[in-house]
């Protein structure tokens, strides 16, 4: 730390001496160029668009209506609203999730809008906006099931889980007997048929399902206190662009836009 401070002091002294020398010679003084400055917002403003990475195959967040229609979805609509607040056009680049962060690192995009959850590793490597999605883990059962009202009640019960999901571990830790399934669709069918007692999954997944299947006969029996939050992702050092997006999200939350978009896709406000 002292070595760095000494080096900086020497540089400052050298520059100051050079400036005095130029002044003494009557030479013109040229403002020094700012090195390492953050141009993330000005770059977006100057080109008139913000390039947004998203999968395009992740319903209801980012998908093509009817399979081949216009790109739409919860994240897409929020990204469009943010771009409008910034005064630029949104340009979406559809990218497989496996390469989405590499594309951001390579400066192919300005940001990612694809339900990217906030975690310590991502905080360390990237700049993240304030969350625009908040979710929990939930237990879903049949509406007439009164035996499960908490995660403690899963002990000895049978749940349907994908063995590769975080919710599998959650069910096992609660003492459930887990029946392996390929994913939500298969698991929720087993619950409806009464072949398993419950399924543990993300609340957003359930809300999307309930929105399109209002007569499913299912309910949320319990949910976690821990929350999962998703945000826009930027390259490290994109301080001004991140702050501008945060301001846009705050305005969209205040004027009810975020809640309106959320109600459209989930029938509930999942933005706070």
C-alpha atoms as a PDB file:
ATOM      1  CA  UNK A   1       0.000   0.000   0.000  1.00  0.00           C
ATOM      2  CA  UNK A   2       2.867   2.425   0.926  1.00  0.00           C
ATOM      3  CA  UNK A   3       4.734   1.442  -2.241  1.00  0.00           C
ATOM      4  CA  UNK A   4       1.654   2.225  -4.350  1.00  0.00           C
ATOM      5  CA  UNK A   5       1.122   5.540  -2.575  1.00  0.00           C
ATOM      6  CA  UNK A   6       4.801   6.494  -3.084  1.00  0.00           C
ATOM      7  CA  UNK A   7       4.637   5.587  -6.765  1.00  0.00           C
ATOM      8  CA  UNK A   8       1.482   7.663  -7.265  1.00  0.00           C
ATOM      9  CA  UNK A   9       3.070  10.615  -5.445  1.00  0.00           C
ATOM     10  CA  UNK A  10       6.129  10.431  -7.711  1.00  0.00           C
ATOM     11  CA  UNK A  11       3.950  10.390 -10.812  1.00  0.00           C
ATOM     12  CA  UNK A  12       1.905  13.357  -9.580  1.00  0.00           C
ATOM     13  CA  UNK A  13       5.096  15.286  -8.804  1.00  0.00           C
ATOM     14  CA  UNK A  14       6.551  14.520 -12.253  1.00  0.00           C
ATOM     15  CA  UNK A  15       3.357  15.645 -14.012  1.00  0.00           C
ATOM     16  CA  UNK A  16       3.234  18.798 -11.927  1.00  0.00           C
ATOM     17  CA  UNK A  17       6.847  19.588 -12.820  1.00  0.00           C
ATOM     18  CA  UNK A  18       6.153  19.019 -16.505  1.00  0.00           C
ATOM     19  CA  UNK A  19       3.131  21.314 -16.391  1.00  0.00           C
ATOM     20  CA  UNK A  20       5.213  24.069 -14.781  1.00  0.00           C
ATOM     21  CA  UNK A  21       7.934  23.626 -17.374  1.00  0.00           C
ATOM     22  CA  UNK A  22       5.429  23.941 -20.208  1.00  0.00           C
ATOM     23  CA  UNK A  23       3.878  26.986 -18.580  1.00  0.00           C
ATOM     24  CA  UNK A  24       7.302  28.605 -18.158  1.00  0.00           C
ATOM     25  CA  UNK A  25       8.076  28.056 -21.839  1.00  0.00           C
ATOM     26  CA  UNK A  26       4.800  29.665 -22.822  1.00  0.00           C
ATOM     27  CA  UNK A  27       3.626  26.426 -24.456  1.00  0.00           C
ATOM     28  CA  UNK A  28      -0.092  25.637 -24.718  1.00  0.00           C
ATOM     29  CA  UNK A  29      -1.552  23.559 -21.927  1.00  0.00           C
ATOM     30  CA  UNK A  30      -3.545  20.579 -23.197  1.00  0.00           C
ATOM     31  CA  UNK A  31      -5.970  18.820 -20.847  1.00  0.00           C
ATOM     32  CA  UNK A  32      -4.673  15.370 -20.081  1.00  0.00           C
ATOM     33  CA  UNK A  33      -6.729  12.448 -21.358  1.00  0.00           C
ATOM     34  CA  UNK A  34      -8.602  10.509 -18.714  1.00  0.00           C
ATOM     35  CA  UNK A  35      -7.333   6.964 -18.632  1.00  0.00           C
ATOM     36  CA  UNK A  36      -9.467   4.092 -17.433  1.00  0.00           C
ATOM     37  CA  UNK A  37     -12.594   6.253 -17.399  1.00  0.00           C
ATOM     38  CA  UNK A  38     -16.017   4.625 -17.404  1.00  0.00           C
ATOM     39  CA  UNK A  39     -17.665   5.129 -20.798  1.00  0.00           C
ATOM     40  CA  UNK A  40     -20.276   2.388 -20.385  1.00  0.00           C
ATOM     41  CA  UNK A  41     -23.251   4.767 -20.385  1.00  0.00           C
ATOM     42  CA  UNK A  42     -21.894   7.238 -22.935  1.00  0.00           C
ATOM     43  CA  UNK A  43     -21.117   4.351 -25.313  1.00  0.00           C
ATOM     44  CA  UNK A  44     -24.725   3.186 -25.133  1.00  0.00           C
ATOM     45  CA  UNK A  45     -26.045   6.716 -25.550  1.00  0.00           C
ATOM     46  CA  UNK A  46     -23.793   7.493 -28.511  1.00  0.00           C
ATOM     47  CA  UNK A  47     -24.826   4.416 -30.492  1.00  0.00           C
ATOM     48  CA  UNK A  48     -28.478   4.897 -29.512  1.00  0.00           C
ATOM     49  CA  UNK A  49     -29.026   1.317 -28.421  1.00  0.00           C
ATOM     50  CA  UNK A  50     -28.282  -1.086 -25.611  1.00  0.00           C
ATOM     51  CA  UNK A  51     -27.339  -4.616 -26.663  1.00  0.00           C
ATOM     52  CA  UNK A  52     -29.016  -7.151 -24.388  1.00  0.00           C
ATOM     53  CA  UNK A  53     -28.151 -10.849 -24.231  1.00  0.00           C
ATOM     54  CA  UNK A  54     -30.987 -13.283 -23.571  1.00  0.00           C
ATOM     55  CA  UNK A  55     -31.713 -16.923 -24.382  1.00  0.00           C
ATOM     56  CA  UNK A  56     -34.950 -16.606 -26.323  1.00  0.00           C
ATOM     57  CA  UNK A  57     -35.930 -20.142 -25.340  1.00  0.00           C
ATOM     58  CA  UNK A  58     -36.633 -19.618 -21.633  1.00  0.00           C
ATOM     59  CA  UNK A  59     -40.380 -19.266 -21.175  1.00  0.00           C
ATOM     60  CA  UNK A  60     -41.928 -17.166 -19.626  1.00  0.00           C
ATOM     61  CA  UNK A  61     -38.839 -14.963 -19.276  1.00  0.00           C
ATOM     62  CA  UNK A  62     -37.466 -14.851 -22.813  1.00  0.00           C
ATOM     63  CA  UNK A  63     -39.151 -16.741 -25.647  1.00  0.00           C
ATOM     64  CA  UNK A  64     -40.779 -16.501 -29.057  1.00  0.00           C
ATOM     65  CA  UNK A  65     -44.558 -16.291 -29.016  1.00  0.00           C
ATOM     66  CA  UNK A  66     -46.098 -19.370 -30.663  1.00  0.00           C
ATOM     67  CA  UNK A  67     -42.591 -20.737 -31.161  1.00  0.00           C
ATOM     68  CA  UNK A  68     -41.625 -18.544 -34.095  1.00  0.00           C
ATOM     69  CA  UNK A  69     -43.211 -15.184 -33.353  1.00  0.00           C
ATOM     70  CA  UNK A  70     -41.786 -12.024 -31.869  1.00  0.00           C
ATOM     71  CA  UNK A  71     -39.328 -12.269 -28.988  1.00  0.00           C
ATOM     72  CA  UNK A  72     -41.221 -11.604 -25.782  1.00  0.00           C
ATOM     73  CA  UNK A  73     -41.292 -12.553 -22.112  1.00  0.00           C
ATOM     74  CA  UNK A  74     -40.985 -11.102 -18.647  1.00  0.00           C
ATOM     75  CA  UNK A  75     -37.276 -10.234 -18.882  1.00  0.00           C
ATOM     76  CA  UNK A  76     -37.660  -8.967 -22.443  1.00  0.00           C
ATOM     77  CA  UNK A  77     -40.500  -6.605 -21.494  1.00  0.00           C
ATOM     78  CA  UNK A  78     -38.588  -5.247 -18.500  1.00  0.00           C
ATOM     79  CA  UNK A  79     -35.461  -4.756 -20.614  1.00  0.00           C
ATOM     80  CA  UNK A  80     -37.500  -2.850 -23.208  1.00  0.00           C
ATOM     81  CA  UNK A  81     -38.940  -0.605 -20.491  1.00  0.00           C
ATOM     82  CA  UNK A  82     -35.450   0.055 -19.083  1.00  0.00           C
ATOM     83  CA  UNK A  83     -34.102   0.929 -22.541  1.00  0.00           C
ATOM     84  CA  UNK A  84     -36.966   3.361 -23.024  1.00  0.00           C
ATOM     85  CA  UNK A  85     -36.096   5.081 -19.745  1.00  0.00           C
ATOM     86  CA  UNK A  86     -32.476   5.344 -20.908  1.00  0.00           C
ATOM     87  CA  UNK A  87     -33.642   6.931 -24.152  1.00  0.00           C
ATOM     88  CA  UNK A  88     -32.160   4.220 -26.376  1.00  0.00           C
ATOM     89  CA  UNK A  89     -33.430   1.269 -28.391  1.00  0.00           C
ATOM     90  CA  UNK A  90     -33.097  -2.289 -27.087  1.00  0.00           C
ATOM     91  CA  UNK A  91     -31.228  -4.708 -29.339  1.00  0.00           C
ATOM     92  CA  UNK A  92     -31.573  -8.331 -28.257  1.00  0.00           C
ATOM     93  CA  UNK A  93     -28.898 -10.924 -29.008  1.00  0.00           C
ATOM     94  CA  UNK A  94     -30.169 -14.456 -28.443  1.00  0.00           C
ATOM     95  CA  UNK A  95     -27.448 -16.616 -26.964  1.00  0.00           C
ATOM     96  CA  UNK A  96     -27.282 -20.058 -25.391  1.00  0.00           C
ATOM     97  CA  UNK A  97     -26.852 -19.793 -21.656  1.00  0.00           C
ATOM     98  CA  UNK A  98     -23.541 -21.697 -21.686  1.00  0.00           C
ATOM     99  CA  UNK A  99     -21.935 -18.846 -23.641  1.00  0.00           C
ATOM    100  CA  UNK A 100     -23.819 -15.850 -22.337  1.00  0.00           C
ATOM    101  CA  UNK A 101     -21.198 -14.661 -19.824  1.00  0.00           C
ATOM    102  CA  UNK A 102     -18.336 -15.224 -22.273  1.00  0.00           C
ATOM    103  CA  UNK A 103     -20.189 -13.027 -24.761  1.00  0.00           C
ATOM    104  CA  UNK A 104     -20.494 -10.263 -22.182  1.00  0.00           C
ATOM    105  CA  UNK A 105     -16.797 -10.570 -21.338  1.00  0.00           C
ATOM    106  CA  UNK A 106     -15.969 -10.305 -25.063  1.00  0.00           C
ATOM    107  CA  UNK A 107     -18.027  -7.086 -25.295  1.00  0.00           C
ATOM    108  CA  UNK A 108     -20.593  -8.593 -27.673  1.00  0.00           C
ATOM    109  CA  UNK A 109     -23.325  -7.265 -25.343  1.00  0.00           C
ATOM    110  CA  UNK A 110     -23.778  -4.375 -22.958  1.00  0.00           C
ATOM    111  CA  UNK A 111     -25.786  -6.398 -20.463  1.00  0.00           C
ATOM    112  CA  UNK A 112     -27.570  -9.700 -19.817  1.00  0.00           C
ATOM    113  CA  UNK A 113     -31.296  -9.950 -19.011  1.00  0.00           C
ATOM    114  CA  UNK A 114     -32.007 -13.637 -18.466  1.00  0.00           C
ATOM    115  CA  UNK A 115     -33.013 -14.275 -14.841  1.00  0.00           C
ATOM    116  CA  UNK A 116     -29.405 -14.197 -13.685  1.00  0.00           C
ATOM    117  CA  UNK A 117     -29.464 -14.844  -9.973  1.00  0.00           C
ATOM    118  CA  UNK A 118     -27.307 -12.752  -7.672  1.00  0.00           C
ATOM    119  CA  UNK A 119     -24.587 -14.667  -5.850  1.00  0.00           C
ATOM    120  CA  UNK A 120     -21.187 -13.814  -4.331  1.00  0.00           C
ATOM    121  CA  UNK A 121     -19.207 -15.183  -7.297  1.00  0.00           C
ATOM    122  CA  UNK A 122     -21.092 -13.015  -9.796  1.00  0.00           C
ATOM    123  CA  UNK A 123     -20.869  -9.978  -7.523  1.00  0.00           C
ATOM    124  CA  UNK A 124     -17.098 -10.388  -7.467  1.00  0.00           C
ATOM    125  CA  UNK A 125     -16.722 -10.680 -11.238  1.00  0.00           C
ATOM    126  CA  UNK A 126     -19.483  -8.435 -12.625  1.00  0.00           C
ATOM    127  CA  UNK A 127     -21.496  -5.309 -11.877  1.00  0.00           C
ATOM    128  CA  UNK A 128     -25.098  -6.180 -11.048  1.00  0.00           C
ATOM    129  CA  UNK A 129     -28.188  -3.995 -11.044  1.00  0.00           C
ATOM    130  CA  UNK A 130     -30.677  -3.840  -8.235  1.00  0.00           C
ATOM    131  CA  UNK A 131     -32.918  -6.944  -8.368  1.00  0.00           C
ATOM    132  CA  UNK A 132     -35.946  -6.902 -10.662  1.00  0.00           C
ATOM    133  CA  UNK A 133     -37.137 -10.392  -9.697  1.00  0.00           C
ATOM    134  CA  UNK A 134     -37.488 -11.863  -6.222  1.00  0.00           C
ATOM    135  CA  UNK A 135     -38.501 -15.471  -5.650  1.00  0.00           C
ATOM    136  CA  UNK A 136     -38.546 -18.239  -3.048  1.00  0.00           C
ATOM    137  CA  UNK A 137     -38.570 -22.012  -2.975  1.00  0.00           C
ATOM    138  CA  UNK A 138     -42.064 -23.461  -2.527  1.00  0.00           C
ATOM    139  CA  UNK A 139     -43.771 -26.742  -1.700  1.00  0.00           C
ATOM    140  CA  UNK A 140     -46.648 -27.416  -4.088  1.00  0.00           C
ATOM    141  CA  UNK A 141     -49.372 -29.891  -3.124  1.00  0.00           C
ATOM    142  CA  UNK A 142     -52.943 -30.699  -4.054  1.00  0.00           C
ATOM    143  CA  UNK A 143     -55.427 -28.177  -2.690  1.00  0.00           C
ATOM    144  CA  UNK A 144     -57.035 -30.744  -0.359  1.00  0.00           C
ATOM    145  CA  UNK A 145     -53.716 -31.760   1.224  1.00  0.00           C
ATOM    146  CA  UNK A 146     -53.656 -30.419   4.786  1.00  0.00           C
ATOM    147  CA  UNK A 147     -50.798 -32.581   6.041  1.00  0.00           C
ATOM    148  CA  UNK A 148     -48.040 -30.365   4.633  1.00  0.00           C
ATOM    149  CA  UNK A 149     -47.804 -26.781   5.840  1.00  0.00           C
ATOM    150  CA  UNK A 150     -44.031 -26.461   6.325  1.00  0.00           C
ATOM    151  CA  UNK A 151     -40.775 -27.990   5.164  1.00  0.00           C
ATOM    152  CA  UNK A 152     -40.628 -29.957   8.424  1.00  0.00           C
ATOM    153  CA  UNK A 153     -43.795 -31.763   7.299  1.00  0.00           C
ATOM    154  CA  UNK A 154     -41.959 -33.231   4.292  1.00  0.00           C
ATOM    155  CA  UNK A 155     -40.277 -35.801   6.530  1.00  0.00           C
ATOM    156  CA  UNK A 156     -41.462 -39.219   5.393  1.00  0.00           C
ATOM    157  CA  UNK A 157     -43.491 -37.747   2.514  1.00  0.00           C
ATOM    158  CA  UNK A 158     -42.740 -38.396  -1.158  1.00  0.00           C
ATOM    159  CA  UNK A 159     -41.765 -35.554  -3.471  1.00  0.00           C
ATOM    160  CA  UNK A 160     -41.029 -35.510  -7.201  1.00  0.00           C
ATOM    161  CA  UNK A 161     -37.706 -33.825  -8.019  1.00  0.00           C
ATOM    162  CA  UNK A 162     -35.121 -33.484 -10.743  1.00  0.00           C
ATOM    163  CA  UNK A 163     -31.952 -34.955  -9.252  1.00  0.00           C
ATOM    164  CA  UNK A 164     -29.806 -32.136 -10.680  1.00  0.00           C
ATOM    165  CA  UNK A 165     -31.753 -29.251  -9.136  1.00  0.00           C
ATOM    166  CA  UNK A 166     -31.108 -27.369  -5.901  1.00  0.00           C
ATOM    167  CA  UNK A 167     -34.650 -28.275  -4.860  1.00  0.00           C
ATOM    168  CA  UNK A 168     -33.729 -31.964  -4.796  1.00  0.00           C
ATOM    169  CA  UNK A 169     -31.247 -31.255  -1.987  1.00  0.00           C
ATOM    170  CA  UNK A 170     -33.823 -29.090  -0.227  1.00  0.00           C
ATOM    171  CA  UNK A 171     -36.348 -31.944  -0.254  1.00  0.00           C
ATOM    172  CA  UNK A 172     -33.779 -34.523   0.885  1.00  0.00           C
ATOM    173  CA  UNK A 173     -32.552 -32.268   3.697  1.00  0.00           C
ATOM    174  CA  UNK A 174     -36.152 -31.967   4.881  1.00  0.00           C
ATOM    175  CA  UNK A 175     -36.399 -35.771   5.116  1.00  0.00           C
ATOM    176  CA  UNK A 176     -38.536 -36.427   2.036  1.00  0.00           C
ATOM    177  CA  UNK A 177     -38.441 -39.605  -0.017  1.00  0.00           C
ATOM    178  CA  UNK A 178     -37.614 -38.334  -3.503  1.00  0.00           C
ATOM    179  CA  UNK A 179     -38.941 -39.809  -6.714  1.00  0.00           C
ATOM    180  CA  UNK A 180     -36.741 -38.829  -9.648  1.00  0.00           C
ATOM    181  CA  UNK A 181     -38.365 -36.945 -12.539  1.00  0.00           C
ATOM    182  CA  UNK A 182     -36.999 -35.122 -15.582  1.00  0.00           C
ATOM    183  CA  UNK A 183     -38.404 -31.750 -14.588  1.00  0.00           C
ATOM    184  CA  UNK A 184     -41.331 -29.647 -13.418  1.00  0.00           C
ATOM    185  CA  UNK A 185     -43.869 -30.868 -16.003  1.00  0.00           C
ATOM    186  CA  UNK A 186     -43.450 -34.517 -15.084  1.00  0.00           C
ATOM    187  CA  UNK A 187     -43.280 -33.825 -11.354  1.00  0.00           C
ATOM    188  CA  UNK A 188     -46.377 -31.659 -11.182  1.00  0.00           C
ATOM    189  CA  UNK A 189     -48.338 -34.282 -13.126  1.00  0.00           C
ATOM    190  CA  UNK A 190     -47.477 -36.850 -10.450  1.00  0.00           C
ATOM    191  CA  UNK A 191     -48.702 -34.455  -7.750  1.00  0.00           C
ATOM    192  CA  UNK A 192     -51.998 -33.890  -9.571  1.00  0.00           C
ATOM    193  CA  UNK A 193     -52.455 -37.651  -9.978  1.00  0.00           C
ATOM    194  CA  UNK A 194     -51.817 -38.191  -6.265  1.00  0.00           C
ATOM    195  CA  UNK A 195     -48.840 -40.445  -6.966  1.00  0.00           C
ATOM    196  CA  UNK A 196     -46.548 -38.217  -4.873  1.00  0.00           C
ATOM    197  CA  UNK A 197     -47.345 -35.859  -2.029  1.00  0.00           C
ATOM    198  CA  UNK A 198     -45.589 -32.744  -3.248  1.00  0.00           C
ATOM    199  CA  UNK A 199     -42.991 -31.098  -5.438  1.00  0.00           C
ATOM    200  CA  UNK A 200     -40.422 -28.521  -4.307  1.00  0.00           C
ATOM    201  CA  UNK A 201     -39.548 -25.910  -6.889  1.00  0.00           C
ATOM    202  CA  UNK A 202     -39.147 -22.200  -7.613  1.00  0.00           C
ATOM    203  CA  UNK A 203     -42.142 -19.989  -6.896  1.00  0.00           C
ATOM    204  CA  UNK A 204     -41.931 -18.333 -10.316  1.00  0.00           C
ATOM    205  CA  UNK A 205     -42.245 -21.732 -11.990  1.00  0.00           C
ATOM    206  CA  UNK A 206     -45.394 -22.449 -10.021  1.00  0.00           C
ATOM    207  CA  UNK A 207     -46.908 -19.000 -10.669  1.00  0.00           C
ATOM    208  CA  UNK A 208     -46.321 -19.359 -14.404  1.00  0.00           C
ATOM    209  CA  UNK A 209     -47.954 -22.799 -14.308  1.00  0.00           C
ATOM    210  CA  UNK A 210     -50.906 -21.563 -12.234  1.00  0.00           C
ATOM    211  CA  UNK A 211     -51.444 -18.633 -14.620  1.00  0.00           C
ATOM    212  CA  UNK A 212     -51.885 -20.991 -17.577  1.00  0.00           C
ATOM    213  CA  UNK A 213     -53.565 -23.777 -15.562  1.00  0.00           C
ATOM    214  CA  UNK A 214     -55.988 -21.991 -13.228  1.00  0.00           C
ATOM    215  CA  UNK A 215     -57.965 -25.185 -12.510  1.00  0.00           C
ATOM    216  CA  UNK A 216     -54.973 -27.366 -11.673  1.00  0.00           C
ATOM    217  CA  UNK A 217     -56.225 -28.134  -8.165  1.00  0.00           C
ATOM    218  CA  UNK A 218     -52.815 -27.284  -6.704  1.00  0.00           C
ATOM    219  CA  UNK A 219     -51.612 -24.774  -4.109  1.00  0.00           C
ATOM    220  CA  UNK A 220     -48.475 -23.447  -2.452  1.00  0.00           C
ATOM    221  CA  UNK A 221     -48.330 -25.253   0.880  1.00  0.00           C
ATOM    222  CA  UNK A 222     -45.191 -23.552   2.214  1.00  0.00           C
ATOM    223  CA  UNK A 223     -42.283 -21.420   1.045  1.00  0.00           C
ATOM    224  CA  UNK A 224     -38.750 -20.669   2.138  1.00  0.00           C
ATOM    225  CA  UNK A 225     -37.752 -17.550   4.022  1.00  0.00           C
ATOM    226  CA  UNK A 226     -34.593 -17.320   1.894  1.00  0.00           C
ATOM    227  CA  UNK A 227     -35.076 -15.385  -1.319  1.00  0.00           C
ATOM    228  CA  UNK A 228     -33.464 -15.647  -4.735  1.00  0.00           C
ATOM    229  CA  UNK A 229     -32.932 -12.357  -6.590  1.00  0.00           C
ATOM    230  CA  UNK A 230     -32.225 -11.786 -10.285  1.00  0.00           C
ATOM    231  CA  UNK A 231     -30.601  -8.750 -11.881  1.00  0.00           C
ATOM    232  CA  UNK A 232     -29.130  -7.249 -15.047  1.00  0.00           C
ATOM    233  CA  UNK A 233     -25.442  -8.134 -15.423  1.00  0.00           C
ATOM    234  CA  UNK A 234     -22.706  -5.786 -16.703  1.00  0.00           C
ATOM    235  CA  UNK A 235     -18.952  -5.988 -17.192  1.00  0.00           C
ATOM    236  CA  UNK A 236     -16.985  -4.957 -14.126  1.00  0.00           C
ATOM    237  CA  UNK A 237     -16.386  -1.212 -14.150  1.00  0.00           C
ATOM    238  CA  UNK A 238     -19.670  -0.341 -15.917  1.00  0.00           C
ATOM    239  CA  UNK A 239     -20.556   1.874 -12.974  1.00  0.00           C
ATOM    240  CA  UNK A 240     -22.404   4.606 -14.868  1.00  0.00           C
ATOM    241  CA  UNK A 241     -24.503   2.230 -16.979  1.00  0.00           C
ATOM    242  CA  UNK A 242     -25.368   0.145 -13.910  1.00  0.00           C
ATOM    243  CA  UNK A 243     -26.416   3.276 -12.012  1.00  0.00           C
ATOM    244  CA  UNK A 244     -28.549   4.459 -14.947  1.00  0.00           C
ATOM    245  CA  UNK A 245     -30.303   1.077 -15.116  1.00  0.00           C
ATOM    246  CA  UNK A 246     -30.841   1.151 -11.346  1.00  0.00           C
ATOM    247  CA  UNK A 247     -32.460   4.583 -11.723  1.00  0.00           C
ATOM    248  CA  UNK A 248     -34.636   3.286 -14.561  1.00  0.00           C
ATOM    249  CA  UNK A 249     -35.740   0.292 -12.484  1.00  0.00           C
ATOM    250  CA  UNK A 250     -36.560   2.560  -9.534  1.00  0.00           C
ATOM    251  CA  UNK A 251     -38.690   4.779 -11.781  1.00  0.00           C
ATOM    252  CA  UNK A 252     -40.430   1.758 -13.334  1.00  0.00           C
ATOM    253  CA  UNK A 253     -41.146   0.382  -9.874  1.00  0.00           C
ATOM    254  CA  UNK A 254     -42.525   3.734  -8.710  1.00  0.00           C
ATOM    255  CA  UNK A 255     -44.820   4.225 -11.696  1.00  0.00           C
ATOM    256  CA  UNK A 256     -46.187   0.665 -11.485  1.00  0.00           C
ATOM    257  CA  UNK A 257     -44.657  -0.627 -14.737  1.00  0.00           C
ATOM    258  CA  UNK A 258     -42.731  -3.473 -13.107  1.00  0.00           C
ATOM    259  CA  UNK A 259     -45.807  -4.661 -11.233  1.00  0.00           C
ATOM    260  CA  UNK A 260     -47.922  -4.485 -14.397  1.00  0.00           C
ATOM    261  CA  UNK A 261     -45.460  -6.577 -16.417  1.00  0.00           C
ATOM    262  CA  UNK A 262     -45.215  -9.059 -13.554  1.00  0.00           C
ATOM    263  CA  UNK A 263     -49.001  -9.416 -13.271  1.00  0.00           C
ATOM    264  CA  UNK A 264     -49.177 -10.127 -17.004  1.00  0.00           C
ATOM    265  CA  UNK A 265     -46.831 -13.090 -16.762  1.00  0.00           C
ATOM    266  CA  UNK A 266     -47.340 -14.416 -13.238  1.00  0.00           C
ATOM    267  CA  UNK A 267     -50.601 -13.022 -11.897  1.00  0.00           C
ATOM    268  CA  UNK A 268     -48.592 -11.586  -8.997  1.00  0.00           C
ATOM    269  CA  UNK A 269     -45.910  -8.973  -8.372  1.00  0.00           C
ATOM    270  CA  UNK A 270     -42.580 -10.831  -8.231  1.00  0.00           C
ATOM    271  CA  UNK A 271     -40.432  -7.702  -8.609  1.00  0.00           C
ATOM    272  CA  UNK A 272     -40.066  -6.915  -4.911  1.00  0.00           C
END
